[in-house]
Protein backbone atom coordinates (compact mmCIF):
# COMPACT_ATOMS: atom_id res chain seq x y z
CA MET A 1 9.82 14.56 -6.93
CA LYS A 2 6.40 15.83 -7.69
CA LYS A 3 3.97 16.00 -4.48
CA PRO A 4 3.11 12.54 -3.88
CA ILE A 5 -0.89 11.26 -3.21
CA ILE A 6 -0.73 9.77 0.48
CA GLU A 7 -4.80 8.62 1.58
CA ILE A 8 -6.50 6.16 3.78
CA VAL A 9 -9.51 5.16 1.76
CA GLU A 10 -12.50 3.37 2.04
CA ALA A 11 -12.23 1.84 -1.20
CA ILE A 12 -9.22 1.30 -3.58
CA ASP A 13 -9.88 2.08 -7.35
CA VAL A 14 -6.56 0.49 -9.00
CA ALA A 15 -7.44 1.53 -12.53
CA GLN A 16 -7.10 5.47 -11.58
CA VAL A 17 -3.26 4.77 -10.01
CA TYR A 18 -1.98 4.56 -13.87
CA ASP A 19 -3.02 7.66 -14.48
CA GLU A 20 -2.01 9.03 -11.43
CA LEU A 21 1.50 8.14 -12.03
CA SER A 22 1.88 8.89 -15.87
CA ASP A 23 4.44 11.19 -16.34
CA ALA A 24 6.32 12.42 -19.76
CA LYS A 25 10.03 11.94 -17.88
CA SER A 26 9.17 8.59 -16.95
CA GLY A 27 10.41 5.69 -18.35
CA GLY A 28 8.55 3.11 -16.07
CA ILE A 29 5.79 2.74 -13.68
CA CYS A 30 5.79 -0.07 -10.97
CA VAL A 31 2.82 -0.64 -8.98
CA PHE A 32 2.47 -3.15 -6.14
CA VAL A 33 -1.40 -3.92 -4.98
CA GLY A 34 -2.00 -6.09 -1.79
CA THR A 35 -5.68 -7.88 -2.09
CA VAL A 36 -7.33 -10.39 0.52
CA ARG A 37 -6.45 -13.83 0.08
CA ASP A 38 -8.52 -16.39 0.77
CA PHE A 39 -6.58 -18.27 2.86
CA THR A 40 -4.63 -18.28 5.83
CA ASP A 41 -2.11 -20.37 8.43
CA ASN A 42 -4.09 -23.69 6.52
CA GLU A 43 -7.70 -21.46 7.51
CA THR A 44 -10.14 -20.53 4.98
CA VAL A 45 -10.38 -16.58 5.02
CA VAL A 46 -13.72 -14.93 5.24
CA SER A 47 -12.69 -11.14 5.02
CA LEU A 48 -9.96 -8.62 6.66
CA GLU A 49 -11.21 -5.90 8.39
CA PHE A 50 -8.27 -2.86 8.90
CA GLU A 51 -8.23 0.07 11.21
CA ALA A 52 -5.90 2.70 11.32
CA TYR A 53 -4.87 6.04 13.14
CA ARG A 54 -5.21 7.97 10.35
CA THR A 55 -2.50 10.78 11.33
CA MET A 56 -0.09 8.91 12.28
CA ALA A 57 -0.69 6.51 9.75
CA ILE A 58 -0.33 9.48 7.10
CA LYS A 59 2.64 10.68 8.46
CA GLU A 60 4.69 7.86 8.64
CA MET A 61 3.65 7.15 4.91
CA ARG A 62 5.17 10.35 4.26
CA LYS A 63 8.07 9.81 5.91
CA ILE A 64 8.38 6.37 3.83
CA ILE A 65 8.58 8.38 0.57
CA ASP A 66 10.55 10.88 1.74
CA GLN A 67 13.38 8.01 2.44
CA ALA A 68 12.24 6.36 -0.31
CA GLY A 69 13.24 9.75 -2.47
CA ALA A 70 16.25 10.03 -0.99
CA ARG A 71 17.58 6.53 -2.23
CA TRP A 72 15.72 6.50 -5.59
CA PRO A 73 14.77 9.38 -8.40
CA MET A 74 11.30 9.52 -8.40
CA ASN A 75 8.73 11.42 -10.53
CA LYS A 76 5.47 10.51 -8.91
CA VAL A 77 4.14 8.50 -6.02
CA VAL A 78 1.09 6.86 -5.09
CA MET A 79 0.51 5.11 -1.35
CA ARG A 80 -3.01 4.48 -0.25
CA HIS A 81 -4.30 1.82 2.30
CA ALA A 82 -7.81 0.75 2.73
CA VAL A 83 -9.62 0.64 6.27
CA GLY A 84 -13.18 -1.25 6.71
CA LEU A 85 -14.15 -4.38 5.51
CA LYS A 86 -12.51 -6.04 2.63
CA LYS A 87 -13.63 -9.49 1.24
CA VAL A 88 -11.42 -11.56 -0.48
CA GLN A 89 -9.75 -10.52 -4.14
CA GLU A 90 -10.79 -6.85 -2.59
CA PRO A 91 -7.50 -4.33 -2.84
CA VAL A 92 -6.12 -3.30 0.28
CA VAL A 93 -2.91 -1.26 -0.25
CA VAL A 94 -1.88 0.32 -3.86
CA ILE A 95 1.97 1.35 -3.97
CA GLY A 96 3.09 3.16 -7.09
CA VAL A 97 6.13 5.23 -8.35
CA SER A 98 7.31 6.22 -11.62
CA SER A 99 10.31 7.25 -12.71
CA ALA A 100 13.18 7.61 -15.29
CA HIS A 101 14.52 3.71 -15.44
CA ARG A 102 12.53 0.34 -14.11
CA ASP A 103 15.41 -0.24 -11.15
CA ALA A 104 14.49 2.76 -9.28
CA CYS A 105 10.69 2.00 -9.67
CA PHE A 106 11.11 -1.45 -8.66
CA ASP A 107 13.42 -1.23 -5.72
CA ALA A 108 11.18 1.98 -4.26
CA CYS A 109 8.13 0.13 -4.72
CA ARG A 110 9.47 -2.71 -2.62
CA TYR A 111 10.90 -0.82 -0.50
CA MET A 112 7.93 1.41 0.37
CA ILE A 113 5.76 -1.89 0.95
CA ASP A 114 7.89 -3.77 2.94
CA THR A 115 8.48 -0.30 5.14
CA LEU A 116 4.62 0.36 5.63
CA LYS A 117 3.95 -2.97 6.80
CA GLU A 118 7.02 -2.75 9.39
CA THR A 119 6.14 0.75 10.41
CA VAL A 120 2.78 2.15 9.64
CA PRO A 121 -0.28 1.78 12.59
CA ILE A 122 -2.78 0.08 10.75
CA TRP A 123 -3.91 -3.32 12.17
CA LYS A 124 -6.44 -5.89 10.06
CA LYS A 125 -8.39 -8.26 11.75
CA GLU A 126 -8.71 -11.51 10.08
CA MET A 127 -12.23 -12.96 9.68
CA PHE A 128 -12.17 -16.78 9.19
CA LYS A 129 -15.16 -19.29 9.11
CA ASP A 130 -15.38 -20.00 12.93
CA LYS A 131 -13.02 -17.17 14.34
CA THR A 132 -11.75 -13.59 14.30
CA VAL A 133 -7.81 -12.37 15.13
CA TRP A 134 -6.84 -9.13 15.16
CA VAL A 135 -3.36 -9.05 13.50
CA SER A 136 -1.17 -5.78 13.37
CA ALA A 137 0.29 -4.73 10.42
CA HIS A 138 3.65 -4.59 11.75
CA PRO A 139 5.31 -6.90 14.10
């Protein structure tokens, strides 16, 4: 696997991810983009705000990629999470994998987003019309 792109950023440019994952040895590219939805628990979401323990988050993200790399053959990986205030429909996380075959792409991508949400120290504040609630990005 080529050196993965692992970042905590202020904004995510989804369009650049394909170029970062494109590889002559890859027959498949799988990209997951998580965005801010407008409704949670029967309440209208105005926006979300994300905070991260950056050093530890990058370390945990690298660990997730290493674990996925031990299970699936991957040529390139992109893992980015945004911090700061994000509006409805704005991307907050992107995980992409390129591999020779589609099964590895799908499986690795799914594993990485699920594990990121469980283990990486990133928190979000949900902002509704009448209240705000801090939510851990993992249980």
